[in-house]
Amino acid sequence: MTNLLRRLWSGSDNDEGQDIAEYAVLLAVILVLVVGTVRLIGSNANNVFSSTASAINQ
């Protein structure tokens, strides 16, 4: 991991600069997927817990 970070930070060749851009795009896509999944699961989980609580209270 340390070697990867050093290689990304140095960026002496144009190819390495392109690699950094590719990593940034990949990271952005992963973040969008994670945030979307968490929001979807979060709202569904809230509904499940609410209906379970209502069933217990009856």
PDB file of N, CA and C in Angstrom:
ATOM      1  N   MET A   1       0.834  -1.198   0.000  1.00  0.00           N
ATOM      2  CA  MET A   1       0.000   0.000   0.000  1.00  0.00           C
ATOM      3  C   MET A   1       0.875   1.257   0.000  1.00  0.00           C
ATOM      4  N   THR A   2       1.932   1.226   0.795  1.00  0.00           N
ATOM      5  CA  THR A   2       2.824   2.380   0.853  1.00  0.00           C
ATOM      6  C   THR A   2       3.475   2.628  -0.497  1.00  0.00           C
ATOM      7  N   ASN A   3       3.874   1.557  -1.176  1.00  0.00           N
ATOM      8  CA  ASN A   3       4.493   1.717  -2.495  1.00  0.00           C
ATOM      9  C   ASN A   3       3.517   2.312  -3.491  1.00  0.00           C
ATOM     10  N   LEU A   4       2.265   1.894  -3.422  1.00  0.00           N
ATOM     11  CA  LEU A   4       1.241   2.447  -4.316  1.00  0.00           C
ATOM     12  C   LEU A   4       1.079   3.943  -4.085  1.00  0.00           C
ATOM     13  N   LEU A   5       1.008   4.344  -2.812  1.00  0.00           N
ATOM     14  CA  LEU A   5       0.854   5.769  -2.502  1.00  0.00           C
ATOM     15  C   LEU A   5       2.077   6.568  -2.952  1.00  0.00           C
ATOM     16  N   ARG A   6       3.261   6.014  -2.763  1.00  0.00           N
ATOM     17  CA  ARG A   6       4.475   6.713  -3.231  1.00  0.00           C
ATOM     18  C   ARG A   6       4.470   6.873  -4.739  1.00  0.00           C
ATOM     19  N   ARG A   7       4.081   5.803  -5.439  1.00  0.00           N
ATOM     20  CA  ARG A   7       4.055   5.846  -6.898  1.00  0.00           C
ATOM     21  C   ARG A   7       3.025   6.854  -7.394  1.00  0.00           C
ATOM     22  N   LEU A   8       1.858   6.895  -6.721  1.00  0.00           N
ATOM     23  CA  LEU A   8       0.839   7.854  -7.123  1.00  0.00           C
ATOM     24  C   LEU A   8       1.270   9.287  -6.845  1.00  0.00           C
ATOM     25  N   TRP A   9       1.942   9.488  -5.713  1.00  0.00           N
ATOM     26  CA  TRP A   9       2.338  10.834  -5.312  1.00  0.00           C
ATOM     27  C   TRP A   9       3.438  11.384  -6.202  1.00  0.00           C
ATOM     28  N   SER A  10       4.402  10.532  -6.598  1.00  0.00           N
ATOM     29  CA  SER A  10       5.531  11.021  -7.397  1.00  0.00           C
ATOM     30  C   SER A  10       5.075  11.465  -8.779  1.00  0.00           C
ATOM     31  N   GLY A  11       4.314  10.635  -9.488  1.00  0.00           N
ATOM     32  CA  GLY A  11       3.716  11.004 -10.762  1.00  0.00           C
ATOM     33  C   GLY A  11       4.669  11.613 -11.761  1.00  0.00           C
ATOM     34  N   SER A  12       5.871  11.039 -11.938  1.00  0.00           N
ATOM     35  CA  SER A  12       6.854  11.640 -12.829  1.00  0.00           C
ATOM     36  C   SER A  12       6.526  11.434 -14.303  1.00  0.00           C
ATOM     37  N   ASP A  13       5.898  10.315 -14.669  1.00  0.00           N
ATOM     38  CA  ASP A  13       5.558  10.039 -16.065  1.00  0.00           C
ATOM     39  C   ASP A  13       4.119  10.457 -16.359  1.00  0.00           C
ATOM     40  N   ASN A  14       3.833  10.688 -17.630  1.00  0.00           N
ATOM     41  CA  ASN A  14       2.460  11.002 -18.026  1.00  0.00           C
ATOM     42  C   ASN A  14       1.536   9.819 -17.804  1.00  0.00           C
ATOM     43  N   ASP A  15       2.089   8.600 -17.966  1.00  0.00           N
ATOM     44  CA  ASP A  15       1.275   7.407 -17.743  1.00  0.00           C
ATOM     45  C   ASP A  15       0.803   7.324 -16.305  1.00  0.00           C
ATOM     46  N   GLU A  16       1.655   7.689 -15.378  1.00  0.00           N
ATOM     47  CA  GLU A  16       1.263   7.645 -13.974  1.00  0.00           C
ATOM     48  C   GLU A  16       0.210   8.693 -13.682  1.00  0.00           C
ATOM     49  N   GLY A  17       0.264   9.832 -14.333  1.00  0.00           N
ATOM     50  CA  GLY A  17      -0.778  10.839 -14.175  1.00  0.00           C
ATOM     51  C   GLY A  17      -2.114  10.325 -14.662  1.00  0.00           C
ATOM     52  N   GLN A  18      -2.078   9.581 -15.730  1.00  0.00           N
ATOM     53  CA  GLN A  18      -3.304   8.982 -16.245  1.00  0.00           C
ATOM     54  C   GLN A  18      -3.825   7.941 -15.262  1.00  0.00           C
ATOM     55  N   ASP A  19      -2.933   7.180 -14.642  1.00  0.00           N
ATOM     56  CA  ASP A  19      -3.340   6.200 -13.645  1.00  0.00           C
ATOM     57  C   ASP A  19      -4.037   6.872 -12.475  1.00  0.00           C
ATOM     58  N   ILE A  20      -3.529   8.008 -12.036  1.00  0.00           N
ATOM     59  CA  ILE A  20      -4.145   8.732 -10.923  1.00  0.00           C
ATOM     60  C   ILE A  20      -5.563   9.153 -11.291  1.00  0.00           C
ATOM     61  N   ALA A  21      -5.744   9.633 -12.509  1.00  0.00           N
ATOM     62  CA  ALA A  21      -7.084  10.031 -12.950  1.00  0.00           C
ATOM     63  C   ALA A  21      -8.021   8.829 -12.987  1.00  0.00           C
ATOM     64  N   GLU A  22      -7.515   7.696 -13.429  1.00  0.00           N
ATOM     65  CA  GLU A  22      -8.349   6.492 -13.464  1.00  0.00           C
ATOM     66  C   GLU A  22      -8.737   6.057 -12.059  1.00  0.00           C
ATOM     67  N   TYR A  23      -7.789   6.124 -11.114  1.00  0.00           N
ATOM     68  CA  TYR A  23      -8.107   5.792  -9.726  1.00  0.00           C
ATOM     69  C   TYR A  23      -9.146   6.750  -9.156  1.00  0.00           C
ATOM     70  N   ALA A  24      -9.044   8.019  -9.491  1.00  0.00           N
ATOM     71  CA  ALA A  24      -9.997   9.003  -8.988  1.00  0.00           C
ATOM     72  C   ALA A  24     -11.401   8.722  -9.518  1.00  0.00           C
ATOM     73  N   VAL A  25     -11.510   8.381 -10.803  1.00  0.00           N
ATOM     74  CA  VAL A  25     -12.815   8.060 -11.391  1.00  0.00           C
ATOM     75  C   VAL A  25     -13.374   6.793 -10.756  1.00  0.00           C
ATOM     76  N   LEU A  26     -12.530   5.792 -10.566  1.00  0.00           N
ATOM     77  CA  LEU A  26     -12.959   4.552  -9.938  1.00  0.00           C
ATOM     78  C   LEU A  26     -13.439   4.807  -8.513  1.00  0.00           C
ATOM     79  N   LEU A  27     -12.727   5.613  -7.772  1.00  0.00           N
ATOM     80  CA  LEU A  27     -13.123   5.954  -6.404  1.00  0.00           C
ATOM     81  C   LEU A  27     -14.461   6.690  -6.391  1.00  0.00           C
ATOM     82  N   ALA A  28     -14.666   7.601  -7.319  1.00  0.00           N
ATOM     83  CA  ALA A  28     -15.929   8.340  -7.389  1.00  0.00           C
ATOM     84  C   ALA A  28     -17.096   7.399  -7.680  1.00  0.00           C
ATOM     85  N   VAL A  29     -16.907   6.459  -8.596  1.00  0.00           N
ATOM     86  CA  VAL A  29     -17.976   5.505  -8.917  1.00  0.00           C
ATOM     87  C   VAL A  29     -18.301   4.643  -7.703  1.00  0.00           C
ATOM     88  N   ILE A  30     -17.272   4.174  -7.014  1.00  0.00           N
ATOM     89  CA  ILE A  30     -17.494   3.343  -5.827  1.00  0.00           C
ATOM     90  C   ILE A  30     -18.222   4.130  -4.755  1.00  0.00           C
ATOM     91  N   LEU A  31     -17.844   5.376  -4.544  1.00  0.00           N
ATOM     92  CA  LEU A  31     -18.512   6.207  -3.540  1.00  0.00           C
ATOM     93  C   LEU A  31     -19.988   6.421  -3.874  1.00  0.00           C
ATOM     94  N   VAL A  32     -20.291   6.656  -5.140  1.00  0.00           N
ATOM     95  CA  VAL A  32     -21.689   6.841  -5.545  1.00  0.00           C
ATOM     96  C   VAL A  32     -22.493   5.573  -5.278  1.00  0.00           C
ATOM     97  N   LEU A  33     -21.912   4.420  -5.607  1.00  0.00           N
ATOM     98  CA  LEU A  33     -22.610   3.157  -5.363  1.00  0.00           C
ATOM     99  C   LEU A  33     -22.824   2.907  -3.873  1.00  0.00           C
ATOM    100  N   VAL A  34     -21.817   3.173  -3.068  1.00  0.00           N
ATOM    101  CA  VAL A  34     -21.937   2.945  -1.624  1.00  0.00           C
ATOM    102  C   VAL A  34     -22.971   3.876  -1.013  1.00  0.00           C
ATOM    103  N   VAL A  35     -22.922   5.142  -1.361  1.00  0.00           N
ATOM    104  CA  VAL A  35     -23.883   6.109  -0.805  1.00  0.00           C
ATOM    105  C   VAL A  35     -25.304   5.749  -1.231  1.00  0.00           C
ATOM    106  N   GLY A  36     -25.495   5.388  -2.485  1.00  0.00           N
ATOM    107  CA  GLY A  36     -26.827   5.000  -2.948  1.00  0.00           C
ATOM    108  C   GLY A  36     -27.343   3.763  -2.245  1.00  0.00           C
ATOM    109  N   THR A  37     -26.479   2.781  -2.044  1.00  0.00           N
ATOM    110  CA  THR A  37     -26.883   1.558  -1.356  1.00  0.00           C
ATOM    111  C   THR A  37     -27.232   1.826   0.099  1.00  0.00           C
ATOM    112  N   VAL A  38     -26.433   2.628   0.764  1.00  0.00           N
ATOM    113  CA  VAL A  38     -26.699   2.947   2.167  1.00  0.00           C
ATOM    114  C   VAL A  38     -28.012   3.704   2.304  1.00  0.00           C
ATOM    115  N   ARG A  39     -28.286   4.619   1.410  1.00  0.00           N
ATOM    116  CA  ARG A  39     -29.546   5.374   1.485  1.00  0.00           C
ATOM    117  C   ARG A  39     -30.741   4.467   1.238  1.00  0.00           C
ATOM    118  N   LEU A  40     -30.615   3.554   0.277  1.00  0.00           N
ATOM    119  CA  LEU A  40     -31.705   2.628  -0.025  1.00  0.00           C
ATOM    120  C   LEU A  40     -31.954   1.674   1.137  1.00  0.00           C
ATOM    121  N   ILE A  41     -30.905   1.071   1.644  1.00  0.00           N
ATOM    122  CA  ILE A  41     -31.047   0.130   2.755  1.00  0.00           C
ATOM    123  C   ILE A  41     -31.480   0.853   4.025  1.00  0.00           C
ATOM    124  N   GLY A  42     -30.997   2.053   4.226  1.00  0.00           N
ATOM    125  CA  GLY A  42     -31.350   2.818   5.423  1.00  0.00           C
ATOM    126  C   GLY A  42     -32.834   3.108   5.496  1.00  0.00           C
ATOM    127  N   SER A  43     -33.434   3.512   4.403  1.00  0.00           N
ATOM    128  CA  SER A  43     -34.864   3.816   4.428  1.00  0.00           C
ATOM    129  C   SER A  43     -35.687   2.545   4.592  1.00  0.00           C
ATOM    130  N   ASN A  44     -35.285   1.461   3.945  1.00  0.00           N
ATOM    131  CA  ASN A  44     -36.008   0.198   4.096  1.00  0.00           C
ATOM    132  C   ASN A  44     -35.863  -0.353   5.508  1.00  0.00           C
ATOM    133  N   ALA A  45     -34.683  -0.238   6.089  1.00  0.00           N
ATOM    134  CA  ALA A  45     -34.458  -0.717   7.457  1.00  0.00           C
ATOM    135  C   ALA A  45     -35.314   0.072   8.437  1.00  0.00           C
ATOM    136  N   ASN A  46     -35.451   1.350   8.230  1.00  0.00           N
ATOM    137  CA  ASN A  46     -36.285   2.177   9.101  1.00  0.00           C
ATOM    138  C   ASN A  46     -37.733   1.709   9.040  1.00  0.00           C
ATOM    139  N   ASN A  47     -38.223   1.404   7.850  1.00  0.00           N
ATOM    140  CA  ASN A  47     -39.598   0.914   7.717  1.00  0.00           C
ATOM    141  C   ASN A  47     -39.792  -0.416   8.428  1.00  0.00           C
ATOM    142  N   VAL A  48     -38.833  -1.316   8.305  1.00  0.00           N
ATOM    143  CA  VAL A  48     -38.926  -2.627   8.955  1.00  0.00           C
ATOM    144  C   VAL A  48     -38.942  -2.472  10.465  1.00  0.00           C
ATOM    145  N   PHE A  49     -38.048  -1.647  10.997  1.00  0.00           N
ATOM    146  CA  PHE A  49     -38.008  -1.453  12.448  1.00  0.00           C
ATOM    147  C   PHE A  49     -39.282  -0.788  12.955  1.00  0.00           C
ATOM    148  N   SER A  50     -39.826   0.156  12.203  1.00  0.00           N
ATOM    149  CA  SER A  50     -41.065   0.816  12.618  1.00  0.00           C
ATOM    150  C   SER A  50     -42.233  -0.152  12.650  1.00  0.00           C
ATOM    151  N   SER A  51     -42.369  -0.987  11.628  1.00  0.00           N
ATOM    152  CA  SER A  51     -43.470  -1.941  11.608  1.00  0.00           C
ATOM    153  C   SER A  51     -43.286  -3.013  12.675  1.00  0.00           C
ATOM    154  N   THR A  52     -42.056  -3.403  12.959  1.00  0.00           N
ATOM    155  CA  THR A  52     -41.803  -4.366  14.026  1.00  0.00           C
ATOM    156  C   THR A  52     -42.156  -3.766  15.389  1.00  0.00           C
ATOM    157  N   ALA A  53     -41.790  -2.531  15.597  1.00  0.00           N
ATOM    158  CA  ALA A  53     -42.114  -1.857  16.862  1.00  0.00           C
ATOM    159  C   ALA A  53     -43.628  -1.723  17.031  1.00  0.00           C
ATOM    160  N   SER A  54     -44.328  -1.413  15.944  1.00  0.00           N
ATOM    161  CA  SER A  54     -45.778  -1.295  16.008  1.00  0.00           C
ATOM    162  C   SER A  54     -46.423  -2.648  16.338  1.00  0.00           C
ATOM    163  N   ALA A  55     -45.897  -3.713  15.763  1.00  0.00           N
ATOM    164  CA  ALA A  55     -46.441  -5.049  16.031  1.00  0.00           C
ATOM    165  C   ALA A  55     -46.200  -5.459  17.483  1.00  0.00           C
ATOM    166  N   ILE A  56     -45.071  -5.088  18.042  1.00  0.00           N
ATOM    167  CA  ILE A  56     -44.752  -5.432  19.429  1.00  0.00           C
ATOM    168  C   ILE A  56     -45.646  -4.659  20.393  1.00  0.00           C
ATOM    169  N   ASN A  57     -45.917  -3.407  20.081  1.00  0.00           N
ATOM    170  CA  ASN A  57     -46.715  -2.553  20.967  1.00  0.00           C
ATOM    171  C   ASN A  57     -48.194  -2.911  20.971  1.00  0.00           C
ATOM    172  N   GLN A  58     -48.660  -3.664  20.016  1.00  0.00           N
ATOM    173  CA  GLN A  58     -50.096  -3.984  19.953  1.00  0.00           C
ATOM    174  C   GLN A  58     -50.468  -5.075  20.881  1.00  0.00           C
TER     175      GLN A  58
END
